[in-house]
Amino acid sequence: MVKQTAGRDALGTFAPKFAELNDDVLFGQVWSREEALSLRDRSVVTVVALMAQGLVDSSFQYHLETARKNGVTAGEMAEILTHAAFYAGWPKAWAAFRMAKEVYENQH
């Protein structure tokens, strides 16, 4: 398990409890439950949830990169976003595709 420090790095002194929950609970306890749901599947769920909210910001990019690292191929991501477009919204899918294309084309 990788120790997450993004919350503490960004908000540690300003919002220490939020940083703790982000790093220790969300990324520590929830993401580490691989016996219940694989990292790959968690990545897919997270990408779709963020896309459905229209959150195609740096956190979305991070989770696309994480999905790629967790084994989601470019073809699978294209299919995931296409499927989700019908439930989450076409304009949101366009925005998600723009970022996903960039992440998967720059996978070196």
Protein backbone atom coordinates (compact mmCIF):
# COMPACT_ATOMS: atom_id res chain seq x y z
CA MET A 1 0.00 0.00 0.00
CA VAL A 2 1.27 3.46 -0.91
CA LYS A 3 1.07 6.04 1.86
CA GLN A 4 -0.98 8.97 0.57
CA THR A 5 0.16 12.42 1.66
CA ALA A 6 -1.61 14.70 -0.84
CA GLY A 7 -4.11 15.96 1.71
CA ARG A 8 -1.48 16.78 4.29
CA ASP A 9 0.79 18.29 1.65
CA ALA A 10 -1.93 20.60 0.34
CA LEU A 11 -4.09 21.28 3.39
CA GLY A 12 -2.29 19.91 6.43
CA THR A 13 -2.03 23.12 8.41
CA PHE A 14 -5.20 24.75 7.06
CA ALA A 15 -7.58 21.77 7.32
CA PRO A 16 -5.79 19.01 9.21
CA LYS A 17 -8.87 16.85 9.83
CA PHE A 18 -9.88 16.93 6.15
CA ALA A 19 -6.28 16.08 5.20
CA GLU A 20 -6.29 13.17 7.63
CA LEU A 21 -9.60 11.83 6.29
CA ASN A 22 -8.35 12.16 2.71
CA ASP A 23 -5.02 10.47 3.29
CA ASP A 24 -5.80 7.90 5.99
CA VAL A 25 -9.45 7.02 5.45
CA LEU A 26 -10.25 7.54 1.76
CA PHE A 27 -6.89 6.54 0.30
CA GLY A 28 -5.71 4.49 3.28
CA GLN A 29 -8.67 2.44 4.44
CA VAL A 30 -11.11 2.58 1.51
CA TRP A 31 -8.74 2.23 -1.44
CA SER A 32 -6.75 -0.49 0.33
CA ARG A 33 -9.73 -2.87 0.58
CA GLU A 34 -8.60 -4.85 -2.47
CA GLU A 35 -10.17 -8.06 -1.16
CA ALA A 36 -13.58 -6.38 -1.58
CA LEU A 37 -12.97 -4.54 -4.87
CA SER A 38 -9.82 -4.42 -6.98
CA LEU A 39 -7.87 -1.21 -7.49
CA ARG A 40 -8.75 -1.46 -11.19
CA ASP A 41 -12.48 -1.60 -10.42
CA ARG A 42 -12.20 1.22 -7.87
CA SER A 43 -10.51 3.31 -10.54
CA VAL A 44 -13.33 2.67 -13.02
CA VAL A 45 -15.99 3.57 -10.44
CA THR A 46 -14.12 6.73 -9.44
CA VAL A 47 -13.60 7.94 -13.02
CA VAL A 48 -17.28 7.44 -13.83
CA ALA A 49 -18.42 9.13 -10.61
CA LEU A 50 -16.23 12.18 -11.27
CA MET A 51 -17.32 12.36 -14.90
CA ALA A 52 -20.98 12.14 -13.87
CA GLN A 53 -20.49 15.21 -11.69
CA GLY A 54 -18.70 17.08 -14.46
CA LEU A 55 -15.50 17.20 -12.39
CA VAL A 56 -12.91 17.01 -15.12
CA ASP A 57 -10.22 18.88 -13.21
CA SER A 58 -6.83 17.86 -11.85
CA SER A 59 -8.45 15.23 -9.60
CA PHE A 60 -10.07 13.65 -12.67
CA GLN A 61 -6.72 13.64 -14.44
CA TYR A 62 -5.11 12.02 -11.39
CA HIS A 63 -7.76 9.29 -11.37
CA LEU A 64 -7.42 8.69 -15.12
CA GLU A 65 -3.69 8.26 -14.62
CA THR A 66 -4.36 5.96 -11.68
CA ALA A 67 -6.82 3.93 -13.77
CA ARG A 68 -4.17 3.54 -16.46
CA LYS A 69 -1.62 2.43 -13.85
CA ASN A 70 -4.20 0.02 -12.41
CA GLY A 71 -4.55 -1.70 -15.78
CA VAL A 72 -7.43 0.06 -17.53
CA THR A 73 -6.45 0.23 -21.20
CA ALA A 74 -7.15 3.13 -23.53
CA GLY A 75 -9.74 1.04 -25.37
CA GLU A 76 -11.46 0.10 -22.15
CA MET A 77 -11.48 3.71 -20.95
CA ALA A 78 -13.03 4.80 -24.25
CA GLU A 79 -15.75 2.17 -23.80
CA ILE A 80 -16.30 3.11 -20.15
CA LEU A 81 -16.73 6.80 -20.99
CA THR A 82 -18.96 6.02 -23.98
CA HIS A 83 -21.22 3.86 -21.84
CA ALA A 84 -21.31 6.42 -19.02
CA ALA A 85 -22.14 9.22 -21.49
CA PHE A 86 -25.69 7.90 -21.86
CA TYR A 87 -26.24 8.02 -18.09
CA ALA A 88 -24.10 11.00 -17.04
CA GLY A 89 -24.48 13.35 -19.99
CA TRP A 90 -23.02 13.85 -23.43
CA PRO A 91 -21.24 17.18 -22.76
CA LYS A 92 -19.63 15.70 -19.65
CA ALA A 93 -18.40 12.78 -21.73
CA TRP A 94 -16.85 15.15 -24.28
CA ALA A 95 -14.94 16.91 -21.51
CA ALA A 96 -13.87 13.59 -20.01
CA PHE A 97 -12.75 12.26 -23.40
CA ARG A 98 -10.55 15.30 -23.99
CA MET A 99 -8.64 14.65 -20.79
CA ALA A 100 -8.61 10.86 -21.15
CA LYS A 101 -7.18 11.14 -24.65
CA GLU A 102 -4.40 13.35 -23.32
CA VAL A 103 -3.62 11.01 -20.41
CA TYR A 104 -3.56 7.88 -22.55
CA GLU A 105 -1.57 9.47 -25.39
CA ASN A 106 1.08 10.65 -22.90
CA GLN A 107 1.48 7.34 -21.11
CA HIS A 108 5.28 7.16 -21.32
